Amino acid sequence: MKIVFLETKTLGDDINLSKFNKLGKVVFYETSKEDEIAERVTGADVVVVNKLPMNQKTLGDKTTVKLICVTATGTNNIDYIYTREKKIAVTNVKGYSTPTVVQHTFALYFYLMEHLAYYDNYVKSGQYAESNLFTHLDRCFHDLQSMTWGIVGLGEIGRGVAAMAQAFGADVIYYSTSGKNKNQDFLQVEFDELLGRSDVVSVHAPLNENTKGLFGYEAFQKMKPSAYFLNLGRGHIVVEEDLARALNENLIAGAGLDVLCKEPMTSENSLLKVNNREKLIITPHIAWASVEARERLMEEVYKNIEAFQNGEKRNVIE
């Protein structure tokens, strides 16, 4: 069996992939361009891919590929009409990053709410060394205890965030973007009520017709001026120009993002032009990517290929 990894750079240089050699002949490419895919997967039985498109154009009509392993949960890069026609199985991995995304959600929140950028700069600039006071209170912050944390998308990650927020003493409410989630552990509310009541709004929803552009200017207008907004779902759930405007107009206290509409972001992105940079933190799609999460991810990919070799279905998307 020939296995081709097309973009190992997306997995990090610190993850050992040598065990895949036990499964067959393995070829590793750090990165690949779309027009390189067809040649690189020639004769391959298995392709391991993250974001590169898998379709007729990239794989061709005479492909030997029998299995595509996506090193992620989302599979928007797969043309399922093509793969089903060619009888190519597709697998993904779920749940590997849940604790990591939950952790990163709170990292973003506390960075903003406790004004850590300001206080870090205050100390490192030498101002603290020149002060005659042991403390410095120019930016106030608050206890999360007794605040209301609103969650948009109460899936596995959303539930993890809800449990952690409760552990800090916050009240948790949620909005179901599909209308199908009827979780009894937390209070379900309509979207406008969540916006108006929440001191923190965090997004953990998939991108679909119900969520695309859900957070535009009108939504930010309905939030508290003291509220913080966090997006760890998908970039297109937020209208980025509207978020930049909301921050500039002080409609909300701050925003933390790990996902953007275009990744990497462009230099023209309006979020780079927000007046008060302390009100915004953007991380480059790393919420999923602790060492442990990436190790769990690759262990699952290994098991998916191993099961396929044995004629078993594991994490196959029907």
C-alpha atoms as a PDB file:
ATOM      1  CA  MET A   1       0.000   0.000   0.000  1.00  0.00           C
ATOM      2  CA  LYS A   2       1.281   3.438  -0.955  1.00  0.00           C
ATOM      3  CA  ILE A   3       0.388   6.333   1.330  1.00  0.00           C
ATOM      4  CA  VAL A   4       0.995   9.953   0.352  1.00  0.00           C
ATOM      5  CA  PHE A   5       0.954  12.854   2.815  1.00  0.00           C
ATOM      6  CA  LEU A   6       0.408  16.060   0.860  1.00  0.00           C
ATOM      7  CA  GLU A   7       0.816  18.748   3.537  1.00  0.00           C
ATOM      8  CA  THR A   8       2.676  17.614   6.648  1.00  0.00           C
ATOM      9  CA  LYS A   9       3.586  21.223   7.465  1.00  0.00           C
ATOM     10  CA  THR A  10       0.001  21.715   8.673  1.00  0.00           C
ATOM     11  CA  LEU A  11       0.654  19.077  11.351  1.00  0.00           C
ATOM     12  CA  GLY A  12       3.791  20.707  12.749  1.00  0.00           C
ATOM     13  CA  ASP A  13       7.420  19.652  12.682  1.00  0.00           C
ATOM     14  CA  ASP A  14       7.282  18.231  16.198  1.00  0.00           C
ATOM     15  CA  ILE A  15       4.940  15.315  15.425  1.00  0.00           C
ATOM     16  CA  ASN A  16       6.633  11.996  14.634  1.00  0.00           C
ATOM     17  CA  LEU A  17       5.014  10.379  11.595  1.00  0.00           C
ATOM     18  CA  SER A  18       7.466   7.505  11.219  1.00  0.00           C
ATOM     19  CA  LYS A  19       4.995   4.899  12.520  1.00  0.00           C
ATOM     20  CA  PHE A  20       3.028   5.223   9.279  1.00  0.00           C
ATOM     21  CA  ASN A  21       5.855   3.317   7.588  1.00  0.00           C
ATOM     22  CA  LYS A  22       4.465   0.195   9.269  1.00  0.00           C
ATOM     23  CA  LEU A  23       1.398   0.473   7.046  1.00  0.00           C
ATOM     24  CA  GLY A  24       3.167   0.559   3.694  1.00  0.00           C
ATOM     25  CA  LYS A  25       5.342   2.744   1.486  1.00  0.00           C
ATOM     26  CA  VAL A  26       4.926   6.337   2.655  1.00  0.00           C
ATOM     27  CA  VAL A  27       5.802   9.565   0.850  1.00  0.00           C
ATOM     28  CA  PHE A  28       5.797  12.848   2.757  1.00  0.00           C
ATOM     29  CA  TYR A  29       5.398  16.315   1.240  1.00  0.00           C
ATOM     30  CA  GLU A  30       5.542  19.333   3.540  1.00  0.00           C
ATOM     31  CA  THR A  31       3.307  21.390   1.245  1.00  0.00           C
ATOM     32  CA  SER A  32       1.678  20.868  -2.130  1.00  0.00           C
ATOM     33  CA  LYS A  33       0.126  23.098  -4.748  1.00  0.00           C
ATOM     34  CA  GLU A  34      -3.132  22.128  -6.376  1.00  0.00           C
ATOM     35  CA  ASP A  35      -1.490  21.549  -9.740  1.00  0.00           C
ATOM     36  CA  GLU A  36       1.047  19.191  -8.111  1.00  0.00           C
ATOM     37  CA  ILE A  37      -1.477  16.852  -6.524  1.00  0.00           C
ATOM     38  CA  ALA A  38      -2.269  14.596  -9.495  1.00  0.00           C
ATOM     39  CA  GLU A  39       1.394  13.783 -10.121  1.00  0.00           C
ATOM     40  CA  ARG A  40       2.222  13.317  -6.459  1.00  0.00           C
ATOM     41  CA  VAL A  41      -0.611  10.849  -5.812  1.00  0.00           C
ATOM     42  CA  THR A  42       0.078   8.751  -8.905  1.00  0.00           C
ATOM     43  CA  GLY A  43      -0.051   5.100  -7.827  1.00  0.00           C
ATOM     44  CA  ALA A  44      -1.179   6.006  -4.320  1.00  0.00           C
ATOM     45  CA  ASP A  45      -3.792   3.991  -2.445  1.00  0.00           C
ATOM     46  CA  VAL A  46      -4.198   6.466   0.419  1.00  0.00           C
ATOM     47  CA  VAL A  47      -3.935  10.252   0.468  1.00  0.00           C
ATOM     48  CA  VAL A  48      -3.588  12.133   3.734  1.00  0.00           C
ATOM     49  CA  VAL A  49      -4.691  15.736   3.364  1.00  0.00           C
ATOM     50  CA  ASN A  50      -5.858  18.711   5.393  1.00  0.00           C
ATOM     51  CA  LYS A  51      -7.181  21.643   3.339  1.00  0.00           C
ATOM     52  CA  LEU A  52      -6.218  20.811  -0.251  1.00  0.00           C
ATOM     53  CA  PRO A  53      -9.195  20.171  -2.566  1.00  0.00           C
ATOM     54  CA  MET A  54      -9.908  16.572  -3.486  1.00  0.00           C
ATOM     55  CA  ASN A  55     -11.874  16.485  -6.736  1.00  0.00           C
ATOM     56  CA  GLN A  56     -11.731  15.477 -10.393  1.00  0.00           C
ATOM     57  CA  LYS A  57      -9.418  18.357 -11.251  1.00  0.00           C
ATOM     58  CA  THR A  58      -6.835  17.536  -8.603  1.00  0.00           C
ATOM     59  CA  LEU A  59      -7.031  13.717  -8.636  1.00  0.00           C
ATOM     60  CA  GLY A  60      -8.098  13.013 -12.219  1.00  0.00           C
ATOM     61  CA  ASP A  61     -10.258  10.386 -13.879  1.00  0.00           C
ATOM     62  CA  LYS A  62      -7.774   7.512 -13.605  1.00  0.00           C
ATOM     63  CA  THR A  63      -6.817   7.866  -9.985  1.00  0.00           C
ATOM     64  CA  THR A  64      -5.725   4.801  -8.009  1.00  0.00           C
ATOM     65  CA  VAL A  65      -6.690   6.426  -4.709  1.00  0.00           C
ATOM     66  CA  LYS A  66      -9.016   4.307  -2.580  1.00  0.00           C
ATOM     67  CA  LEU A  67      -8.970   6.278   0.658  1.00  0.00           C
ATOM     68  CA  ILE A  68      -8.684   9.968   1.527  1.00  0.00           C
ATOM     69  CA  CYS A  69      -7.842  10.694   5.169  1.00  0.00           C
ATOM     70  CA  VAL A  70      -8.660  14.246   6.209  1.00  0.00           C
ATOM     71  CA  THR A  71      -6.557  15.416   9.150  1.00  0.00           C
ATOM     72  CA  ALA A  72      -9.422  17.489  10.531  1.00  0.00           C
ATOM     73  CA  THR A  73     -13.104  17.270  11.373  1.00  0.00           C
ATOM     74  CA  GLY A  74     -14.383  19.488   8.573  1.00  0.00           C
ATOM     75  CA  THR A  75     -14.350  18.033   5.060  1.00  0.00           C
ATOM     76  CA  ASN A  76     -15.446  20.982   2.929  1.00  0.00           C
ATOM     77  CA  ASN A  77     -12.458  20.322   0.659  1.00  0.00           C
ATOM     78  CA  ILE A  78     -13.917  17.002  -0.521  1.00  0.00           C
ATOM     79  CA  ASP A  79     -16.075  16.726  -3.650  1.00  0.00           C
ATOM     80  CA  TYR A  80     -18.313  13.874  -2.516  1.00  0.00           C
ATOM     81  CA  ILE A  81     -20.011  13.491  -5.884  1.00  0.00           C
ATOM     82  CA  TYR A  82     -16.595  12.711  -7.352  1.00  0.00           C
ATOM     83  CA  THR A  83     -15.377  10.448  -4.518  1.00  0.00           C
ATOM     84  CA  ARG A  84     -18.593   8.419  -4.518  1.00  0.00           C
ATOM     85  CA  GLU A  85     -18.457   8.009  -8.277  1.00  0.00           C
ATOM     86  CA  LYS A  86     -14.866   6.784  -7.990  1.00  0.00           C
ATOM     87  CA  LYS A  87     -15.672   4.668  -4.900  1.00  0.00           C
ATOM     88  CA  ILE A  88     -13.091   6.518  -2.827  1.00  0.00           C
ATOM     89  CA  ALA A  89     -13.688   6.274   0.927  1.00  0.00           C
ATOM     90  CA  VAL A  90     -13.250   9.431   3.001  1.00  0.00           C
ATOM     91  CA  THR A  91     -12.440   9.546   6.708  1.00  0.00           C
ATOM     92  CA  ASN A  92     -12.108  12.406   9.162  1.00  0.00           C
ATOM     93  CA  VAL A  93     -11.311  12.736  12.873  1.00  0.00           C
ATOM     94  CA  LYS A  94     -13.652  14.098  15.514  1.00  0.00           C
ATOM     95  CA  GLY A  95     -13.177  15.121  19.109  1.00  0.00           C
ATOM     96  CA  TYR A  96      -9.383  15.173  19.129  1.00  0.00           C
ATOM     97  CA  SER A  97      -9.159  18.925  19.776  1.00  0.00           C
ATOM     98  CA  THR A  98     -12.076  19.493  22.144  1.00  0.00           C
ATOM     99  CA  PRO A  99     -10.079  20.127  25.360  1.00  0.00           C
ATOM    100  CA  THR A 100      -7.625  22.283  23.440  1.00  0.00           C
ATOM    101  CA  VAL A 101     -10.283  24.534  21.889  1.00  0.00           C
ATOM    102  CA  VAL A 102     -12.013  24.882  25.254  1.00  0.00           C
ATOM    103  CA  GLN A 103      -8.689  25.898  26.806  1.00  0.00           C
ATOM    104  CA  HIS A 104      -7.962  28.410  24.048  1.00  0.00           C
ATOM    105  CA  THR A 105     -11.421  29.943  24.392  1.00  0.00           C
ATOM    106  CA  PHE A 106     -10.643  30.958  27.950  1.00  0.00           C
ATOM    107  CA  ALA A 107      -7.120  32.060  27.043  1.00  0.00           C
ATOM    108  CA  LEU A 108      -8.603  34.573  24.604  1.00  0.00           C
ATOM    109  CA  TYR A 109     -11.239  35.710  27.075  1.00  0.00           C
ATOM    110  CA  PHE A 110      -8.905  36.335  30.006  1.00  0.00           C
ATOM    111  CA  TYR A 111      -6.349  38.047  27.777  1.00  0.00           C
ATOM    112  CA  LEU A 112      -9.030  40.561  26.828  1.00  0.00           C
ATOM    113  CA  MET A 113     -11.009  40.917  30.032  1.00  0.00           C
ATOM    114  CA  GLU A 114      -7.974  41.285  32.311  1.00  0.00           C
ATOM    115  CA  HIS A 115      -6.246  43.664  29.871  1.00  0.00           C
ATOM    116  CA  LEU A 116      -3.134  41.512  29.836  1.00  0.00           C
ATOM    117  CA  ALA A 117      -1.670  43.218  26.760  1.00  0.00           C
ATOM    118  CA  TYR A 118      -1.809  46.592  28.531  1.00  0.00           C
ATOM    119  CA  TYR A 119      -0.383  45.342  31.833  1.00  0.00           C
ATOM    120  CA  ASP A 120       2.352  43.318  30.147  1.00  0.00           C
ATOM    121  CA  ASN A 121       3.435  46.373  28.177  1.00  0.00           C
ATOM    122  CA  TYR A 122       3.242  48.543  31.316  1.00  0.00           C
ATOM    123  CA  VAL A 123       5.790  46.338  33.075  1.00  0.00           C
ATOM    124  CA  LYS A 124       8.072  45.666  30.110  1.00  0.00           C
ATOM    125  CA  SER A 125       8.162  49.319  29.075  1.00  0.00           C
ATOM    126  CA  GLY A 126       9.836  50.163  32.384  1.00  0.00           C
ATOM    127  CA  GLN A 127       6.922  52.180  33.743  1.00  0.00           C
ATOM    128  CA  TYR A 128       6.365  49.788  36.652  1.00  0.00           C
ATOM    129  CA  ALA A 129      10.004  50.048  37.673  1.00  0.00           C
ATOM    130  CA  GLU A 130       9.578  53.810  37.896  1.00  0.00           C
ATOM    131  CA  SER A 131       6.356  53.660  39.924  1.00  0.00           C
ATOM    132  CA  ASN A 132       6.126  54.448  43.660  1.00  0.00           C
ATOM    133  CA  LEU A 133       3.162  52.046  44.072  1.00  0.00           C
ATOM    134  CA  PHE A 134       3.252  48.242  44.311  1.00  0.00           C
ATOM    135  CA  THR A 135       0.133  47.982  42.128  1.00  0.00           C
ATOM    136  CA  HIS A 136      -1.256  49.676  39.035  1.00  0.00           C
ATOM    137  CA  LEU A 137      -5.008  49.876  38.463  1.00  0.00           C
ATOM    138  CA  ASP A 138      -5.499  51.859  35.273  1.00  0.00           C
ATOM    139  CA  ARG A 139      -7.532  49.105  33.600  1.00  0.00           C
ATOM    140  CA  CYS A 140     -10.325  47.532  35.622  1.00  0.00           C
ATOM    141  CA  PHE A 141     -11.398  43.921  35.243  1.00  0.00           C
ATOM    142  CA  HIS A 142     -14.094  41.752  36.803  1.00  0.00           C
ATOM    143  CA  ASP A 143     -14.833  38.334  38.222  1.00  0.00           C
ATOM    144  CA  LEU A 144     -16.274  35.839  35.766  1.00  0.00           C
ATOM    145  CA  GLN A 145     -18.284  34.540  38.693  1.00  0.00           C
ATOM    146  CA  SER A 146     -21.911  35.681  38.416  1.00  0.00           C
ATOM    147  CA  MET A 147     -21.505  36.803  34.792  1.00  0.00           C
ATOM    148  CA  THR A 148     -23.603  35.304  32.003  1.00  0.00           C
ATOM    149  CA  TRP A 149     -21.761  33.316  29.337  1.00  0.00           C
ATOM    150  CA  GLY A 150     -23.713  32.836  26.113  1.00  0.00           C
ATOM    151  CA  ILE A 151     -22.780  30.004  23.774  1.00  0.00           C
ATOM    152  CA  VAL A 152     -23.703  29.798  20.106  1.00  0.00           C
ATOM    153  CA  GLY A 153     -23.470  26.157  19.075  1.00  0.00           C
ATOM    154  CA  LEU A 154     -23.723  23.694  21.960  1.00  0.00           C
ATOM    155  CA  GLY A 155     -21.906  20.752  20.423  1.00  0.00           C
ATOM    156  CA  GLU A 156     -19.078  18.887  22.113  1.00  0.00           C
ATOM    157  CA  ILE A 157     -16.821  21.952  22.273  1.00  0.00           C
ATOM    158  CA  GLY A 158     -19.668  24.252  23.291  1.00  0.00           C
ATOM    159  CA  ARG A 159     -20.588  21.903  26.132  1.00  0.00           C
ATOM    160  CA  GLY A 160     -16.964  21.850  27.270  1.00  0.00           C
ATOM    161  CA  VAL A 161     -16.883  25.649  27.366  1.00  0.00           C
ATOM    162  CA  ALA A 162     -20.217  25.686  29.214  1.00  0.00           C
ATOM    163  CA  ALA A 163     -18.926  23.321  31.893  1.00  0.00           C
ATOM    164  CA  MET A 164     -15.762  25.370  32.357  1.00  0.00           C
ATOM    165  CA  ALA A 165     -17.704  28.630  32.548  1.00  0.00           C
ATOM    166  CA  GLN A 166     -19.915  27.088  35.211  1.00  0.00           C
ATOM    167  CA  ALA A 167     -16.820  26.006  37.132  1.00  0.00           C
ATOM    168  CA  PHE A 168     -15.820  29.683  37.277  1.00  0.00           C
ATOM    169  CA  GLY A 169     -19.289  30.471  38.639  1.00  0.00           C
ATOM    170  CA  ALA A 170     -20.853  31.939  35.503  1.00  0.00           C
ATOM    171  CA  ASP A 171     -24.445  31.397  34.426  1.00  0.00           C
ATOM    172  CA  VAL A 172     -24.609  29.670  31.033  1.00  0.00           C
ATOM    173  CA  ILE A 173     -27.204  30.169  28.314  1.00  0.00           C
ATOM    174  CA  TYR A 174     -27.096  28.919  24.736  1.00  0.00           C
ATOM    175  CA  TYR A 175     -28.600  29.398  21.309  1.00  0.00           C
ATOM    176  CA  SER A 176     -29.055  26.412  19.020  1.00  0.00           C
ATOM    177  CA  THR A 177     -28.257  27.437  15.449  1.00  0.00           C
ATOM    178  CA  SER A 178     -30.067  24.374  14.084  1.00  0.00           C
ATOM    179  CA  GLY A 179     -33.001  24.577  16.491  1.00  0.00           C
ATOM    180  CA  LYS A 180     -32.587  20.850  17.144  1.00  0.00           C
ATOM    181  CA  ASN A 181     -30.360  20.965  20.225  1.00  0.00           C
ATOM    182  CA  LYS A 182     -32.503  20.629  23.362  1.00  0.00           C
ATOM    183  CA  ASN A 183     -29.827  20.235  26.013  1.00  0.00           C
ATOM    184  CA  GLN A 184     -31.418  20.108  29.466  1.00  0.00           C
ATOM    185  CA  ASP A 185     -28.266  21.031  31.386  1.00  0.00           C
ATOM    186  CA  PHE A 186     -28.243  24.647  30.221  1.00  0.00           C
ATOM    187  CA  LEU A 187     -30.870  27.277  29.480  1.00  0.00           C
ATOM    188  CA  GLN A 188     -31.773  27.573  25.809  1.00  0.00           C
ATOM    189  CA  VAL A 189     -32.739  31.065  24.605  1.00  0.00           C
ATOM    190  CA  GLU A 190     -33.413  32.797  21.320  1.00  0.00           C
ATOM    191  CA  PHE A 191     -30.561  34.574  19.555  1.00  0.00           C
ATOM    192  CA  ASP A 192     -31.571  38.134  20.446  1.00  0.00           C
ATOM    193  CA  GLU A 193     -32.014  37.229  24.098  1.00  0.00           C
ATOM    194  CA  LEU A 194     -28.578  35.656  24.197  1.00  0.00           C
ATOM    195  CA  LEU A 195     -27.045  38.802  22.705  1.00  0.00           C
ATOM    196  CA  GLY A 196     -28.772  41.087  25.172  1.00  0.00           C
ATOM    197  CA  ARG A 197     -28.111  39.041  28.312  1.00  0.00           C
ATOM    198  CA  SER A 198     -24.568  37.764  27.808  1.00  0.00           C
ATOM    199  CA  ASP A 199     -21.408  39.264  29.250  1.00  0.00           C
ATOM    200  CA  VAL A 200     -19.449  36.883  27.042  1.00  0.00           C
ATOM    201  CA  VAL A 201     -20.591  35.406  23.729  1.00  0.00           C
ATOM    202  CA  SER A 202     -18.544  32.526  22.340  1.00  0.00           C
ATOM    203  CA  VAL A 203     -19.195  30.847  18.998  1.00  0.00           C
ATOM    204  CA  HIS A 204     -18.564  27.119  18.526  1.00  0.00           C
ATOM    205  CA  ALA A 205     -20.911  26.437  15.621  1.00  0.00           C
ATOM    206  CA  PRO A 206     -20.311  24.987  12.148  1.00  0.00           C
ATOM    207  CA  LEU A 207     -20.614  27.125   9.040  1.00  0.00           C
ATOM    208  CA  ASN A 208     -23.893  26.576   7.226  1.00  0.00           C
ATOM    209  CA  GLU A 209     -26.876  28.514   5.894  1.00  0.00           C
ATOM    210  CA  ASN A 210     -28.023  29.211   9.460  1.00  0.00           C
ATOM    211  CA  THR A 211     -24.728  30.642  10.662  1.00  0.00           C
ATOM    212  CA  LYS A 212     -23.107  32.391   7.710  1.00  0.00           C
ATOM    213  CA  GLY A 213     -22.967  36.116   8.507  1.00  0.00           C
ATOM    214  CA  LEU A 214     -24.875  35.548  11.757  1.00  0.00           C
ATOM    215  CA  PHE A 215     -22.740  38.117  13.545  1.00  0.00           C
ATOM    216  CA  GLY A 216     -23.082  41.321  11.593  1.00  0.00           C
ATOM    217  CA  TYR A 217     -23.441  44.916  12.711  1.00  0.00           C
ATOM    218  CA  GLU A 218     -27.022  44.454  13.877  1.00  0.00           C
ATOM    219  CA  ALA A 219     -26.026  41.582  16.166  1.00  0.00           C
ATOM    220  CA  PHE A 220     -23.195  43.576  17.737  1.00  0.00           C
ATOM    221  CA  GLN A 221     -25.590  46.473  18.317  1.00  0.00           C
ATOM    222  CA  LYS A 222     -27.713  44.176  20.496  1.00  0.00           C
ATOM    223  CA  MET A 223     -24.824  43.157  22.739  1.00  0.00           C
ATOM    224  CA  LYS A 224     -23.828  44.894  25.966  1.00  0.00           C
ATOM    225  CA  PRO A 225     -21.103  47.563  25.562  1.00  0.00           C
ATOM    226  CA  SER A 226     -19.253  45.679  28.313  1.00  0.00           C
ATOM    227  CA  ALA A 227     -19.514  42.285  26.561  1.00  0.00           C
ATOM    228  CA  TYR A 228     -16.768  40.265  24.918  1.00  0.00           C
ATOM    229  CA  PHE A 229     -17.167  38.309  21.684  1.00  0.00           C
ATOM    230  CA  LEU A 230     -15.182  35.150  20.876  1.00  0.00           C
ATOM    231  CA  ASN A 231     -15.262  33.193  17.615  1.00  0.00           C
ATOM    232  CA  LEU A 232     -13.787  29.702  17.613  1.00  0.00           C
ATOM    233  CA  GLY A 233     -16.226  28.290  15.071  1.00  0.00           C
ATOM    234  CA  ARG A 234     -15.750  29.361  11.455  1.00  0.00           C
ATOM    235  CA  GLY A 235     -14.617  32.685  10.040  1.00  0.00           C
ATOM    236  CA  HIS A 236     -17.596  33.371   7.800  1.00  0.00           C
ATOM    237  CA  ILE A 237     -19.971  33.299  10.771  1.00  0.00           C
ATOM    238  CA  VAL A 238     -18.727  36.844  11.389  1.00  0.00           C
ATOM    239  CA  VAL A 239     -18.925  39.807   9.025  1.00  0.00           C
ATOM    240  CA  GLU A 240     -15.422  41.066   9.695  1.00  0.00           C
ATOM    241  CA  GLU A 241     -16.003  44.622   8.499  1.00  0.00           C
ATOM    242  CA  ASP A 242     -18.961  44.884  10.892  1.00  0.00           C
ATOM    243  CA  LEU A 243     -16.929  43.563  13.803  1.00  0.00           C
ATOM    244  CA  ALA A 244     -14.192  46.123  13.138  1.00  0.00           C
ATOM    245  CA  ARG A 245     -16.836  48.853  13.044  1.00  0.00           C
ATOM    246  CA  ALA A 246     -18.414  47.594  16.272  1.00  0.00           C
ATOM    247  CA  LEU A 247     -15.051  47.699  18.044  1.00  0.00           C
ATOM    248  CA  ASN A 248     -14.279  51.169  16.731  1.00  0.00           C
ATOM    249  CA  GLU A 249     -17.694  52.412  17.842  1.00  0.00           C
ATOM    250  CA  ASN A 250     -17.339  50.744  21.275  1.00  0.00           C
ATOM    251  CA  LEU A 251     -20.461  48.650  20.749  1.00  0.00           C
ATOM    252  CA  ILE A 252     -18.659  45.815  22.564  1.00  0.00           C
ATOM    253  CA  ALA A 253     -15.699  45.712  24.949  1.00  0.00           C
ATOM    254  CA  GLY A 254     -13.500  43.403  22.908  1.00  0.00           C
ATOM    255  CA  ALA A 255     -13.204  40.421  20.589  1.00  0.00           C
ATOM    256  CA  GLY A 256     -11.064  37.309  20.364  1.00  0.00           C
ATOM    257  CA  LEU A 257     -10.834  35.336  17.128  1.00  0.00           C
ATOM    258  CA  ASP A 258      -9.053  32.162  16.096  1.00  0.00           C
ATOM    259  CA  VAL A 259     -10.755  31.841  12.697  1.00  0.00           C
ATOM    260  CA  LEU A 260     -11.114  34.273   9.814  1.00  0.00           C
ATOM    261  CA  CYS A 261     -12.948  34.412   6.503  1.00  0.00           C
ATOM    262  CA  LYS A 262      -9.679  34.100   4.613  1.00  0.00           C
ATOM    263  CA  GLU A 263      -6.706  32.255   6.078  1.00  0.00           C
ATOM    264  CA  PRO A 264      -4.019  33.436   6.061  1.00  0.00           C
ATOM    265  CA  MET A 265      -5.647  36.859   6.378  1.00  0.00           C
ATOM    266  CA  THR A 266      -4.889  39.568   3.846  1.00  0.00           C
ATOM    267  CA  SER A 267      -3.113  42.805   4.679  1.00  0.00           C
ATOM    268  CA  GLU A 268      -6.310  44.656   3.684  1.00  0.00           C
ATOM    269  CA  ASN A 269      -8.421  42.972   6.362  1.00  0.00           C
ATOM    270  CA  SER A 270     -10.382  45.648   8.216  1.00  0.00           C
ATOM    271  CA  LEU A 271      -9.609  44.004  11.549  1.00  0.00           C
ATOM    272  CA  LEU A 272      -5.980  45.067  11.173  1.00  0.00           C
ATOM    273  CA  LYS A 273      -7.176  48.662  11.206  1.00  0.00           C
ATOM    274  CA  VAL A 274      -9.099  48.594  14.494  1.00  0.00           C
ATOM    275  CA  ASN A 275      -8.322  51.797  16.384  1.00  0.00           C
ATOM    276  CA  ASN A 276      -7.687  50.281  19.811  1.00  0.00           C
ATOM    277  CA  ARG A 277      -5.628  47.143  19.300  1.00  0.00           C
ATOM    278  CA  GLU A 278      -5.952  46.154  22.958  1.00  0.00           C
ATOM    279  CA  LYS A 279      -9.621  45.386  22.288  1.00  0.00           C
ATOM    280  CA  LEU A 280      -8.832  42.659  19.764  1.00  0.00           C
ATOM    281  CA  ILE A 281      -6.784  39.482  19.793  1.00  0.00           C
ATOM    282  CA  ILE A 282      -6.477  37.251  16.724  1.00  0.00           C
ATOM    283  CA  THR A 283      -4.625  33.945  16.804  1.00  0.00           C
ATOM    284  CA  PRO A 284      -3.723  32.182  13.518  1.00  0.00           C
ATOM    285  CA  HIS A 285      -6.098  29.191  13.678  1.00  0.00           C
ATOM    286  CA  ILE A 286      -4.221  27.480  16.511  1.00  0.00           C
ATOM    287  CA  ALA A 287      -7.043  26.691  18.963  1.00  0.00           C
ATOM    288  CA  TRP A 288      -7.000  23.044  17.840  1.00  0.00           C
ATOM    289  CA  ALA A 289      -3.254  22.616  17.758  1.00  0.00           C
ATOM    290  CA  SER A 290      -1.736  21.674  21.097  1.00  0.00           C
ATOM    291  CA  VAL A 291       0.945  18.997  20.845  1.00  0.00           C
ATOM    292  CA  GLU A 292      -1.378  16.529  22.529  1.00  0.00           C
ATOM    293  CA  ALA A 293      -4.262  17.313  20.163  1.00  0.00           C
ATOM    294  CA  ARG A 294      -2.064  16.841  17.110  1.00  0.00           C
ATOM    295  CA  GLU A 295      -0.767  13.547  18.502  1.00  0.00           C
ATOM    296  CA  ARG A 296      -4.340  12.380  19.106  1.00  0.00           C
ATOM    297  CA  LEU A 297      -5.228  13.461  15.580  1.00  0.00           C
ATOM    298  CA  MET A 298      -2.484  11.427  13.948  1.00  0.00           C
ATOM    299  CA  GLU A 299      -3.176   8.396  16.104  1.00  0.00           C
ATOM    300  CA  GLU A 300      -6.748   8.470  14.822  1.00  0.00           C
ATOM    301  CA  VAL A 301      -5.594   8.858  11.211  1.00  0.00           C
ATOM    302  CA  TYR A 302      -3.282   5.867  11.705  1.00  0.00           C
ATOM    303  CA  LYS A 303      -6.172   3.779  13.024  1.00  0.00           C
ATOM    304  CA  ASN A 304      -8.387   4.884  10.136  1.00  0.00           C
ATOM    305  CA  ILE A 305      -5.841   3.622   7.591  1.00  0.00           C
ATOM    306  CA  GLU A 306      -5.208   0.440   9.560  1.00  0.00           C
ATOM    307  CA  ALA A 307      -8.935  -0.301   9.686  1.00  0.00           C
ATOM    308  CA  PHE A 308      -9.244   0.327   5.950  1.00  0.00           C
ATOM    309  CA  GLN A 309      -6.443  -2.159   5.296  1.00  0.00           C
ATOM    310  CA  ASN A 310      -8.363  -4.715   7.307  1.00  0.00           C
ATOM    311  CA  GLY A 311     -11.552  -4.128   5.364  1.00  0.00           C
ATOM    312  CA  GLU A 312     -13.211  -2.263   8.227  1.00  0.00           C
ATOM    313  CA  LYS A 313     -15.003   1.082   8.241  1.00  0.00           C
ATOM    314  CA  ARG A 314     -13.730   3.544  10.808  1.00  0.00           C
ATOM    315  CA  ASN A 315     -14.724   7.220  10.771  1.00  0.00           C
ATOM    316  CA  VAL A 316     -15.853   6.788   7.172  1.00  0.00           C
ATOM    317  CA  ILE A 317     -18.146   9.560   5.993  1.00  0.00           C
ATOM    318  CA  GLU A 318     -21.015   7.966   4.129  1.00  0.00           C
END
